[in-house]
Amino acid sequence: MSITCTRLPAWRSSAAQDLASRRSWAAELRQAGSLVHVMDMALLLHRYRRDARAVAAEAQRLGEYAEEQAFPEHREKARVFMGWALTKSGDPQRGISMMREAIRSHEHIGTREDPPVWKEMLAEACLEAGILDEGLEVVDSALGDIEESGLRFWAPELLRCKGRVLLAARPGEPDAARACFEEAVAIARAQEARALELRAALDLAGVHASAGDSGTARALVEPLHAWFVEGRTTPDLVEARQLLASLR
């Protein structure tokens, strides 16, 4: 049996230390399932923290180990994350191509809980590369996946991503994007996923601030920012402080 995964909130200062302890435990067990599970957790943590270099290093480790152990699902997972890291490191064309191929390959070999996360990553990459039609198509596909499977843990991020793509595609028509952000905030709040709620609230606050409604923007972000007592240097909390400062 592999190590049971408990929540490892990326905003906690202790998250990296917790992960190191789990990696050490998995190594002591010498159980392949536990080792790839820890690598999987590490990829999610580093990606959530937007650390492309750490994602690339962990994806390399996972890819090599997956080849050695003949784990095709984890091989494709490593390729998705490596592709994302490439898009963040100045090679979006190669990164997006790698992500597309890995997601297609995984359709025939893997489980259903991972692809929505990967499609959100691909949609984000498409957004940043200006490939907006594909970005919207991919995120809509992921939203369809979670409706079919009932695995809605990543719904807030998918809706937030869709809102960002819509805002980029229709900058003068923010209503559809705002609706996505509002739904993302509501779902994250219902899930008690504060970190995801903050992310969605930041995007929603940006829409309100652009419309001149700084009071609503501040009311969305300020109480969430105050809730966090750890991880003050993580990108989302830094962004929240910068937004609040701009609204004074």
C-alpha atoms as a PDB file:
ATOM      1  CA  MET A   1       0.000   0.000   0.000  1.00  0.00           C
ATOM      2  CA  SER A   2       1.369   3.433  -0.891  1.00  0.00           C
ATOM      3  CA  ILE A   3       1.614   6.283   1.591  1.00  0.00           C
ATOM      4  CA  THR A   4      -1.771   7.837   2.316  1.00  0.00           C
ATOM      5  CA  CYS A   5      -1.928  11.384   1.018  1.00  0.00           C
ATOM      6  CA  THR A   6      -3.184  13.986   3.444  1.00  0.00           C
ATOM      7  CA  ARG A   7      -3.591  17.577   2.375  1.00  0.00           C
ATOM      8  CA  LEU A   8      -0.284  19.368   1.878  1.00  0.00           C
ATOM      9  CA  PRO A   9      -1.263  23.055   1.631  1.00  0.00           C
ATOM     10  CA  ALA A  10       1.219  24.809  -0.634  1.00  0.00           C
ATOM     11  CA  TRP A  11       0.923  28.082   1.279  1.00  0.00           C
ATOM     12  CA  ARG A  12       2.291  26.577   4.487  1.00  0.00           C
ATOM     13  CA  SER A  13       5.910  27.343   5.296  1.00  0.00           C
ATOM     14  CA  SER A  14       6.278  23.742   6.443  1.00  0.00           C
ATOM     15  CA  ALA A  15       5.025  22.209   3.178  1.00  0.00           C
ATOM     16  CA  ALA A  16       8.490  21.575   1.736  1.00  0.00           C
ATOM     17  CA  GLN A  17       9.683  20.098   5.029  1.00  0.00           C
ATOM     18  CA  ASP A  18       6.614  17.848   5.218  1.00  0.00           C
ATOM     19  CA  LEU A  19       7.277  16.704   1.676  1.00  0.00           C
ATOM     20  CA  ALA A  20      10.926  15.923   2.440  1.00  0.00           C
ATOM     21  CA  SER A  21       9.844  13.773   5.391  1.00  0.00           C
ATOM     22  CA  ARG A  22       7.419  11.845   3.210  1.00  0.00           C
ATOM     23  CA  ARG A  23      10.072  11.360   0.540  1.00  0.00           C
ATOM     24  CA  SER A  24      12.462   9.953   3.153  1.00  0.00           C
ATOM     25  CA  TRP A  25       9.773   7.622   4.478  1.00  0.00           C
ATOM     26  CA  ALA A  26       8.951   6.398   0.978  1.00  0.00           C
ATOM     27  CA  ALA A  27      12.636   5.735   0.294  1.00  0.00           C
ATOM     28  CA  GLU A  28      12.902   3.684   3.472  1.00  0.00           C
ATOM     29  CA  LEU A  29       9.882   1.617   2.449  1.00  0.00           C
ATOM     30  CA  ARG A  30      11.411   0.987  -0.999  1.00  0.00           C
ATOM     31  CA  GLN A  31       7.908   0.701  -2.367  1.00  0.00           C
ATOM     32  CA  ALA A  32       7.538   2.001  -5.911  1.00  0.00           C
ATOM     33  CA  GLY A  33       3.957   3.178  -5.499  1.00  0.00           C
ATOM     34  CA  SER A  34       4.873   5.274  -2.469  1.00  0.00           C
ATOM     35  CA  LEU A  35       7.860   6.815  -4.238  1.00  0.00           C
ATOM     36  CA  VAL A  36       5.908   7.938  -7.299  1.00  0.00           C
ATOM     37  CA  HIS A  37       3.115   9.198  -5.046  1.00  0.00           C
ATOM     38  CA  VAL A  38       5.566  11.501  -3.260  1.00  0.00           C
ATOM     39  CA  MET A  39       6.970  12.696  -6.588  1.00  0.00           C
ATOM     40  CA  ASP A  40       3.417  13.422  -7.702  1.00  0.00           C
ATOM     41  CA  MET A  41       2.796  15.487  -4.567  1.00  0.00           C
ATOM     42  CA  ALA A  42       6.061  17.350  -5.128  1.00  0.00           C
ATOM     43  CA  LEU A  43       5.056  18.248  -8.685  1.00  0.00           C
ATOM     44  CA  LEU A  44       1.724  19.616  -7.510  1.00  0.00           C
ATOM     45  CA  LEU A  45       3.368  21.624  -4.725  1.00  0.00           C
ATOM     46  CA  HIS A  46       6.010  23.177  -6.977  1.00  0.00           C
ATOM     47  CA  ARG A  47       3.557  23.930  -9.748  1.00  0.00           C
ATOM     48  CA  TYR A  48       1.122  25.505  -7.299  1.00  0.00           C
ATOM     49  CA  ARG A  49       3.964  27.716  -6.110  1.00  0.00           C
ATOM     50  CA  ARG A  50       4.794  28.556  -9.761  1.00  0.00           C
ATOM     51  CA  ASP A  51       8.341  27.245  -9.393  1.00  0.00           C
ATOM     52  CA  ALA A  52       9.140  26.119 -12.940  1.00  0.00           C
ATOM     53  CA  ARG A  53      12.709  25.106 -12.137  1.00  0.00           C
ATOM     54  CA  ALA A  54      11.630  22.824  -9.289  1.00  0.00           C
ATOM     55  CA  VAL A  55       8.840  21.375 -11.454  1.00  0.00           C
ATOM     56  CA  ALA A  56      11.314  20.565 -14.223  1.00  0.00           C
ATOM     57  CA  ALA A  57      13.713  18.847 -11.821  1.00  0.00           C
ATOM     58  CA  GLU A  58      10.952  16.764 -10.217  1.00  0.00           C
ATOM     59  CA  ALA A  59       9.412  15.886 -13.590  1.00  0.00           C
ATOM     60  CA  GLN A  60      12.813  14.647 -14.745  1.00  0.00           C
ATOM     61  CA  ARG A  61      13.094  12.406 -11.673  1.00  0.00           C
ATOM     62  CA  LEU A  62       9.584  11.065 -12.067  1.00  0.00           C
ATOM     63  CA  GLY A  63      10.004  10.440 -15.795  1.00  0.00           C
ATOM     64  CA  GLU A  64      13.208   8.482 -15.310  1.00  0.00           C
ATOM     65  CA  TYR A  65      11.768   6.429 -12.452  1.00  0.00           C
ATOM     66  CA  ALA A  66       8.552   5.750 -14.380  1.00  0.00           C
ATOM     67  CA  GLU A  67      10.584   4.426 -17.320  1.00  0.00           C
ATOM     68  CA  GLU A  68      12.628   2.251 -14.987  1.00  0.00           C
ATOM     69  CA  GLN A  69       9.529   0.830 -13.271  1.00  0.00           C
ATOM     70  CA  ALA A  70       7.420   0.622 -16.460  1.00  0.00           C
ATOM     71  CA  PHE A  71       4.751   3.023 -15.122  1.00  0.00           C
ATOM     72  CA  PRO A  72       3.300   4.519 -18.321  1.00  0.00           C
ATOM     73  CA  GLU A  73       0.744   6.689 -16.512  1.00  0.00           C
ATOM     74  CA  HIS A  74       3.429   8.401 -14.457  1.00  0.00           C
ATOM     75  CA  ARG A  75       5.648   8.751 -17.512  1.00  0.00           C
ATOM     76  CA  GLU A  76       2.944  10.815 -19.190  1.00  0.00           C
ATOM     77  CA  LYS A  77       2.350  12.777 -15.987  1.00  0.00           C
ATOM     78  CA  ALA A  78       6.030  13.712 -15.951  1.00  0.00           C
ATOM     79  CA  ARG A  79       5.784  14.881 -19.557  1.00  0.00           C
ATOM     80  CA  VAL A  80       2.796  17.122 -18.772  1.00  0.00           C
ATOM     81  CA  PHE A  81       4.662  18.853 -15.950  1.00  0.00           C
ATOM     82  CA  MET A  82       7.888  19.081 -17.933  1.00  0.00           C
ATOM     83  CA  GLY A  83       5.939  20.684 -20.754  1.00  0.00           C
ATOM     84  CA  TRP A  84       4.436  23.208 -18.344  1.00  0.00           C
ATOM     85  CA  ALA A  85       7.906  24.028 -17.016  1.00  0.00           C
ATOM     86  CA  LEU A  86       9.145  24.567 -20.568  1.00  0.00           C
ATOM     87  CA  THR A  87       6.337  27.040 -21.263  1.00  0.00           C
ATOM     88  CA  LYS A  88       7.392  28.996 -18.178  1.00  0.00           C
ATOM     89  CA  SER A  89      11.061  28.886 -19.174  1.00  0.00           C
ATOM     90  CA  GLY A  90      10.799  30.467 -22.602  1.00  0.00           C
ATOM     91  CA  ASP A  91       9.898  27.536 -24.857  1.00  0.00           C
ATOM     92  CA  PRO A  92       6.083  27.613 -25.089  1.00  0.00           C
ATOM     93  CA  GLN A  93       5.858  25.908 -28.488  1.00  0.00           C
ATOM     94  CA  ARG A  94       7.786  22.843 -27.360  1.00  0.00           C
ATOM     95  CA  GLY A  95       6.124  22.798 -23.948  1.00  0.00           C
ATOM     96  CA  ILE A  96       2.580  23.007 -25.269  1.00  0.00           C
ATOM     97  CA  SER A  97       3.296  20.288 -27.849  1.00  0.00           C
ATOM     98  CA  MET A  98       4.659  18.010 -25.114  1.00  0.00           C
ATOM     99  CA  MET A  99       1.622  18.602 -22.922  1.00  0.00           C
ATOM    100  CA  ARG A 100      -0.816  17.912 -25.755  1.00  0.00           C
ATOM    101  CA  GLU A 101       0.896  14.634 -26.649  1.00  0.00           C
ATOM    102  CA  ALA A 102       1.090  13.448 -23.037  1.00  0.00           C
ATOM    103  CA  ILE A 103      -2.584  14.178 -22.358  1.00  0.00           C
ATOM    104  CA  ARG A 104      -3.600  12.312 -25.514  1.00  0.00           C
ATOM    105  CA  SER A 105      -1.422   9.331 -24.623  1.00  0.00           C
ATOM    106  CA  HIS A 106      -2.778   9.212 -21.071  1.00  0.00           C
ATOM    107  CA  GLU A 107      -6.369   8.853 -22.307  1.00  0.00           C
ATOM    108  CA  HIS A 108      -5.716   5.182 -23.075  1.00  0.00           C
ATOM    109  CA  ILE A 109      -3.756   4.204 -19.966  1.00  0.00           C
ATOM    110  CA  GLY A 110      -4.600   6.312 -16.920  1.00  0.00           C
ATOM    111  CA  THR A 111      -7.127   7.231 -14.278  1.00  0.00           C
ATOM    112  CA  ARG A 112      -9.690  10.001 -14.476  1.00  0.00           C
ATOM    113  CA  GLU A 113      -8.726  12.272 -11.586  1.00  0.00           C
ATOM    114  CA  ASP A 114      -5.537  13.749 -13.084  1.00  0.00           C
ATOM    115  CA  PRO A 115      -6.499  14.948 -16.604  1.00  0.00           C
ATOM    116  CA  PRO A 116      -8.623  17.931 -15.448  1.00  0.00           C
ATOM    117  CA  VAL A 117      -5.591  19.304 -13.588  1.00  0.00           C
ATOM    118  CA  TRP A 118      -3.374  18.758 -16.616  1.00  0.00           C
ATOM    119  CA  LYS A 119      -5.879  20.329 -18.993  1.00  0.00           C
ATOM    120  CA  GLU A 120      -6.026  23.391 -16.745  1.00  0.00           C
ATOM    121  CA  MET A 121      -2.222  23.574 -16.991  1.00  0.00           C
ATOM    122  CA  LEU A 122      -2.413  23.307 -20.787  1.00  0.00           C
ATOM    123  CA  ALA A 123      -5.150  25.933 -20.956  1.00  0.00           C
ATOM    124  CA  GLU A 124      -3.007  28.273 -18.850  1.00  0.00           C
ATOM    125  CA  ALA A 125      -0.082  27.704 -21.211  1.00  0.00           C
ATOM    126  CA  CYS A 126      -2.304  28.396 -24.228  1.00  0.00           C
ATOM    127  CA  LEU A 127      -3.545  31.591 -22.588  1.00  0.00           C
ATOM    128  CA  GLU A 128      -0.014  32.837 -22.010  1.00  0.00           C
ATOM    129  CA  ALA A 129       0.949  31.926 -25.590  1.00  0.00           C
ATOM    130  CA  GLY A 130      -2.109  33.716 -26.988  1.00  0.00           C
ATOM    131  CA  ILE A 131      -3.723  30.501 -28.288  1.00  0.00           C
ATOM    132  CA  LEU A 132      -7.079  31.478 -26.838  1.00  0.00           C
ATOM    133  CA  ASP A 133      -9.433  29.277 -28.872  1.00  0.00           C
ATOM    134  CA  GLU A 134      -7.545  26.142 -27.862  1.00  0.00           C
ATOM    135  CA  GLY A 135      -7.295  27.353 -24.276  1.00  0.00           C
ATOM    136  CA  LEU A 136     -11.061  27.729 -24.056  1.00  0.00           C
ATOM    137  CA  GLU A 137     -11.658  24.382 -25.749  1.00  0.00           C
ATOM    138  CA  VAL A 138      -9.289  22.589 -23.365  1.00  0.00           C
ATOM    139  CA  VAL A 139     -10.714  24.099 -20.196  1.00  0.00           C
ATOM    140  CA  ASP A 140     -14.278  23.377 -21.331  1.00  0.00           C
ATOM    141  CA  SER A 141     -13.237  19.774 -21.948  1.00  0.00           C
ATOM    142  CA  ALA A 142     -11.848  19.582 -18.412  1.00  0.00           C
ATOM    143  CA  LEU A 143     -15.039  21.030 -16.951  1.00  0.00           C
ATOM    144  CA  GLY A 144     -16.969  18.366 -18.851  1.00  0.00           C
ATOM    145  CA  ASP A 145     -14.662  15.703 -17.415  1.00  0.00           C
ATOM    146  CA  ILE A 146     -15.338  16.719 -13.820  1.00  0.00           C
ATOM    147  CA  GLU A 147     -19.082  16.894 -14.374  1.00  0.00           C
ATOM    148  CA  GLU A 148     -19.023  13.373 -15.781  1.00  0.00           C
ATOM    149  CA  SER A 149     -16.776  11.936 -13.074  1.00  0.00           C
ATOM    150  CA  GLY A 150     -18.024  13.957 -10.101  1.00  0.00           C
ATOM    151  CA  LEU A 151     -14.402  14.725  -9.131  1.00  0.00           C
ATOM    152  CA  ARG A 152     -14.856  18.443  -8.575  1.00  0.00           C
ATOM    153  CA  PHE A 153     -11.883  19.206  -6.324  1.00  0.00           C
ATOM    154  CA  TRP A 154     -10.200  21.253  -9.086  1.00  0.00           C
ATOM    155  CA  ALA A 155     -13.368  23.025 -10.264  1.00  0.00           C
ATOM    156  CA  PRO A 156     -12.369  26.402  -8.758  1.00  0.00           C
ATOM    157  CA  GLU A 157      -9.103  26.468 -10.707  1.00  0.00           C
ATOM    158  CA  LEU A 158     -10.782  25.348 -13.926  1.00  0.00           C
ATOM    159  CA  LEU A 159     -13.403  28.066 -13.650  1.00  0.00           C
ATOM    160  CA  ARG A 160     -10.776  30.637 -12.773  1.00  0.00           C
ATOM    161  CA  CYS A 161      -8.725  29.588 -15.794  1.00  0.00           C
ATOM    162  CA  LYS A 162     -11.780  29.789 -18.047  1.00  0.00           C
ATOM    163  CA  GLY A 163     -12.520  33.274 -16.756  1.00  0.00           C
ATOM    164  CA  ARG A 164      -8.977  34.407 -17.494  1.00  0.00           C
ATOM    165  CA  VAL A 165      -9.141  33.021 -21.041  1.00  0.00           C
ATOM    166  CA  LEU A 166     -12.496  34.719 -21.627  1.00  0.00           C
ATOM    167  CA  LEU A 167     -11.159  38.004 -20.277  1.00  0.00           C
ATOM    168  CA  ALA A 168      -8.201  37.831 -22.643  1.00  0.00           C
ATOM    169  CA  ALA A 169     -10.403  36.897 -25.612  1.00  0.00           C
ATOM    170  CA  ARG A 170     -13.065  39.529 -24.876  1.00  0.00           C
ATOM    171  CA  PRO A 171     -11.387  42.290 -22.865  1.00  0.00           C
ATOM    172  CA  GLY A 172     -14.289  44.685 -23.336  1.00  0.00           C
ATOM    173  CA  GLU A 173     -16.895  42.137 -22.240  1.00  0.00           C
ATOM    174  CA  PRO A 174     -16.039  41.072 -18.688  1.00  0.00           C
ATOM    175  CA  ASP A 175     -19.438  39.652 -17.672  1.00  0.00           C
ATOM    176  CA  ALA A 176     -18.759  36.024 -18.676  1.00  0.00           C
ATOM    177  CA  ALA A 177     -15.350  36.086 -17.035  1.00  0.00           C
ATOM    178  CA  ARG A 178     -16.757  37.633 -13.874  1.00  0.00           C
ATOM    179  CA  ALA A 179     -19.393  34.887 -13.676  1.00  0.00           C
ATOM    180  CA  CYS A 180     -16.640  32.244 -13.875  1.00  0.00           C
ATOM    181  CA  PHE A 181     -14.648  33.933 -11.112  1.00  0.00           C
ATOM    182  CA  GLU A 182     -17.731  34.269  -8.910  1.00  0.00           C
ATOM    183  CA  GLU A 183     -18.555  30.582  -9.314  1.00  0.00           C
ATOM    184  CA  ALA A 184     -14.935  29.661  -8.609  1.00  0.00           C
ATOM    185  CA  VAL A 185     -14.995  31.679  -5.379  1.00  0.00           C
ATOM    186  CA  ALA A 186     -18.281  30.092  -4.300  1.00  0.00           C
ATOM    187  CA  ILE A 187     -17.123  26.520  -4.935  1.00  0.00           C
ATOM    188  CA  ALA A 188     -13.762  27.045  -3.244  1.00  0.00           C
ATOM    189  CA  ARG A 189     -15.511  28.566  -0.235  1.00  0.00           C
ATOM    190  CA  ALA A 190     -17.897  25.616  -0.027  1.00  0.00           C
ATOM    191  CA  GLN A 191     -14.906  23.261  -0.209  1.00  0.00           C
ATOM    192  CA  GLU A 192     -13.123  25.312   2.476  1.00  0.00           C
ATOM    193  CA  ALA A 193     -10.205  25.546   0.047  1.00  0.00           C
ATOM    194  CA  ARG A 194      -8.905  28.936   1.178  1.00  0.00           C
ATOM    195  CA  ALA A 195      -5.912  29.002  -1.147  1.00  0.00           C
ATOM    196  CA  LEU A 196      -8.073  28.359  -4.215  1.00  0.00           C
ATOM    197  CA  GLU A 197     -10.640  30.863  -2.962  1.00  0.00           C
ATOM    198  CA  LEU A 198      -7.924  33.511  -2.699  1.00  0.00           C
ATOM    199  CA  ARG A 199      -6.774  32.861  -6.248  1.00  0.00           C
ATOM    200  CA  ALA A 200     -10.271  33.204  -7.651  1.00  0.00           C
ATOM    201  CA  ALA A 201     -10.955  36.246  -5.471  1.00  0.00           C
ATOM    202  CA  LEU A 202      -7.848  37.952  -6.830  1.00  0.00           C
ATOM    203  CA  ASP A 203      -9.075  37.583 -10.403  1.00  0.00           C
ATOM    204  CA  LEU A 204     -12.594  38.662  -9.468  1.00  0.00           C
ATOM    205  CA  ALA A 205     -11.197  41.645  -7.577  1.00  0.00           C
ATOM    206  CA  GLY A 206      -9.221  42.590 -10.671  1.00  0.00           C
ATOM    207  CA  VAL A 207     -12.435  42.797 -12.686  1.00  0.00           C
ATOM    208  CA  HIS A 208     -14.062  45.015 -10.066  1.00  0.00           C
ATOM    209  CA  ALA A 209     -10.981  47.200  -9.741  1.00  0.00           C
ATOM    210  CA  SER A 210     -10.844  47.686 -13.518  1.00  0.00           C
ATOM    211  CA  ALA A 211     -14.466  48.849 -13.375  1.00  0.00           C
ATOM    212  CA  GLY A 212     -13.580  51.386 -10.686  1.00  0.00           C
ATOM    213  CA  ASP A 213     -15.137  49.459  -7.804  1.00  0.00           C
ATOM    214  CA  SER A 214     -12.168  49.360  -5.459  1.00  0.00           C
ATOM    215  CA  GLY A 215     -14.383  48.813  -2.395  1.00  0.00           C
ATOM    216  CA  THR A 216     -15.728  45.487  -3.667  1.00  0.00           C
ATOM    217  CA  ALA A 217     -12.267  44.462  -4.809  1.00  0.00           C
ATOM    218  CA  ARG A 218     -10.816  45.125  -1.358  1.00  0.00           C
ATOM    219  CA  ALA A 219     -13.702  43.375   0.406  1.00  0.00           C
ATOM    220  CA  LEU A 220     -13.064  40.250  -1.649  1.00  0.00           C
ATOM    221  CA  VAL A 221      -9.343  39.986  -0.939  1.00  0.00           C
ATOM    222  CA  GLU A 222      -8.657  41.604   2.439  1.00  0.00           C
ATOM    223  CA  PRO A 223     -10.328  39.030   4.735  1.00  0.00           C
ATOM    224  CA  LEU A 224      -8.830  36.118   2.798  1.00  0.00           C
ATOM    225  CA  HIS A 225      -5.362  37.631   2.933  1.00  0.00           C
ATOM    226  CA  ALA A 226      -5.744  38.177   6.685  1.00  0.00           C
ATOM    227  CA  TRP A 227      -6.742  34.530   7.214  1.00  0.00           C
ATOM    228  CA  PHE A 228      -3.309  33.224   6.196  1.00  0.00           C
ATOM    229  CA  VAL A 229      -0.735  33.180   8.982  1.00  0.00           C
ATOM    230  CA  GLU A 230       1.921  31.219   7.072  1.00  0.00           C
ATOM    231  CA  GLY A 231       3.399  31.345   3.606  1.00  0.00           C
ATOM    232  CA  ARG A 232       3.456  35.130   3.386  1.00  0.00           C
ATOM    233  CA  THR A 233       6.095  34.997   0.648  1.00  0.00           C
ATOM    234  CA  THR A 234       4.155  32.646  -1.635  1.00  0.00           C
ATOM    235  CA  PRO A 235       3.164  34.232  -4.981  1.00  0.00           C
ATOM    236  CA  ASP A 236      -0.572  34.414  -4.284  1.00  0.00           C
ATOM    237  CA  LEU A 237      -0.164  36.213  -0.956  1.00  0.00           C
ATOM    238  CA  VAL A 238       2.412  38.583  -2.431  1.00  0.00           C
ATOM    239  CA  GLU A 239      -0.030  39.335  -5.248  1.00  0.00           C
ATOM    240  CA  ALA A 240      -2.819  39.910  -2.716  1.00  0.00           C
ATOM    241  CA  ARG A 241      -0.701  42.434  -0.784  1.00  0.00           C
ATOM    242  CA  GLN A 242       0.220  44.235  -3.977  1.00  0.00           C
ATOM    243  CA  LEU A 243      -3.423  44.466  -5.028  1.00  0.00           C
ATOM    244  CA  LEU A 244      -4.523  45.739  -1.631  1.00  0.00           C
ATOM    245  CA  ALA A 245      -1.766  48.339  -1.664  1.00  0.00           C
ATOM    246  CA  SER A 246      -2.891  49.541  -5.088  1.00  0.00           C
ATOM    247  CA  LEU A 247      -6.463  49.972  -3.844  1.00  0.00           C
ATOM    248  CA  ARG A 248      -5.592  52.365  -1.018  1.00  0.00           C
END
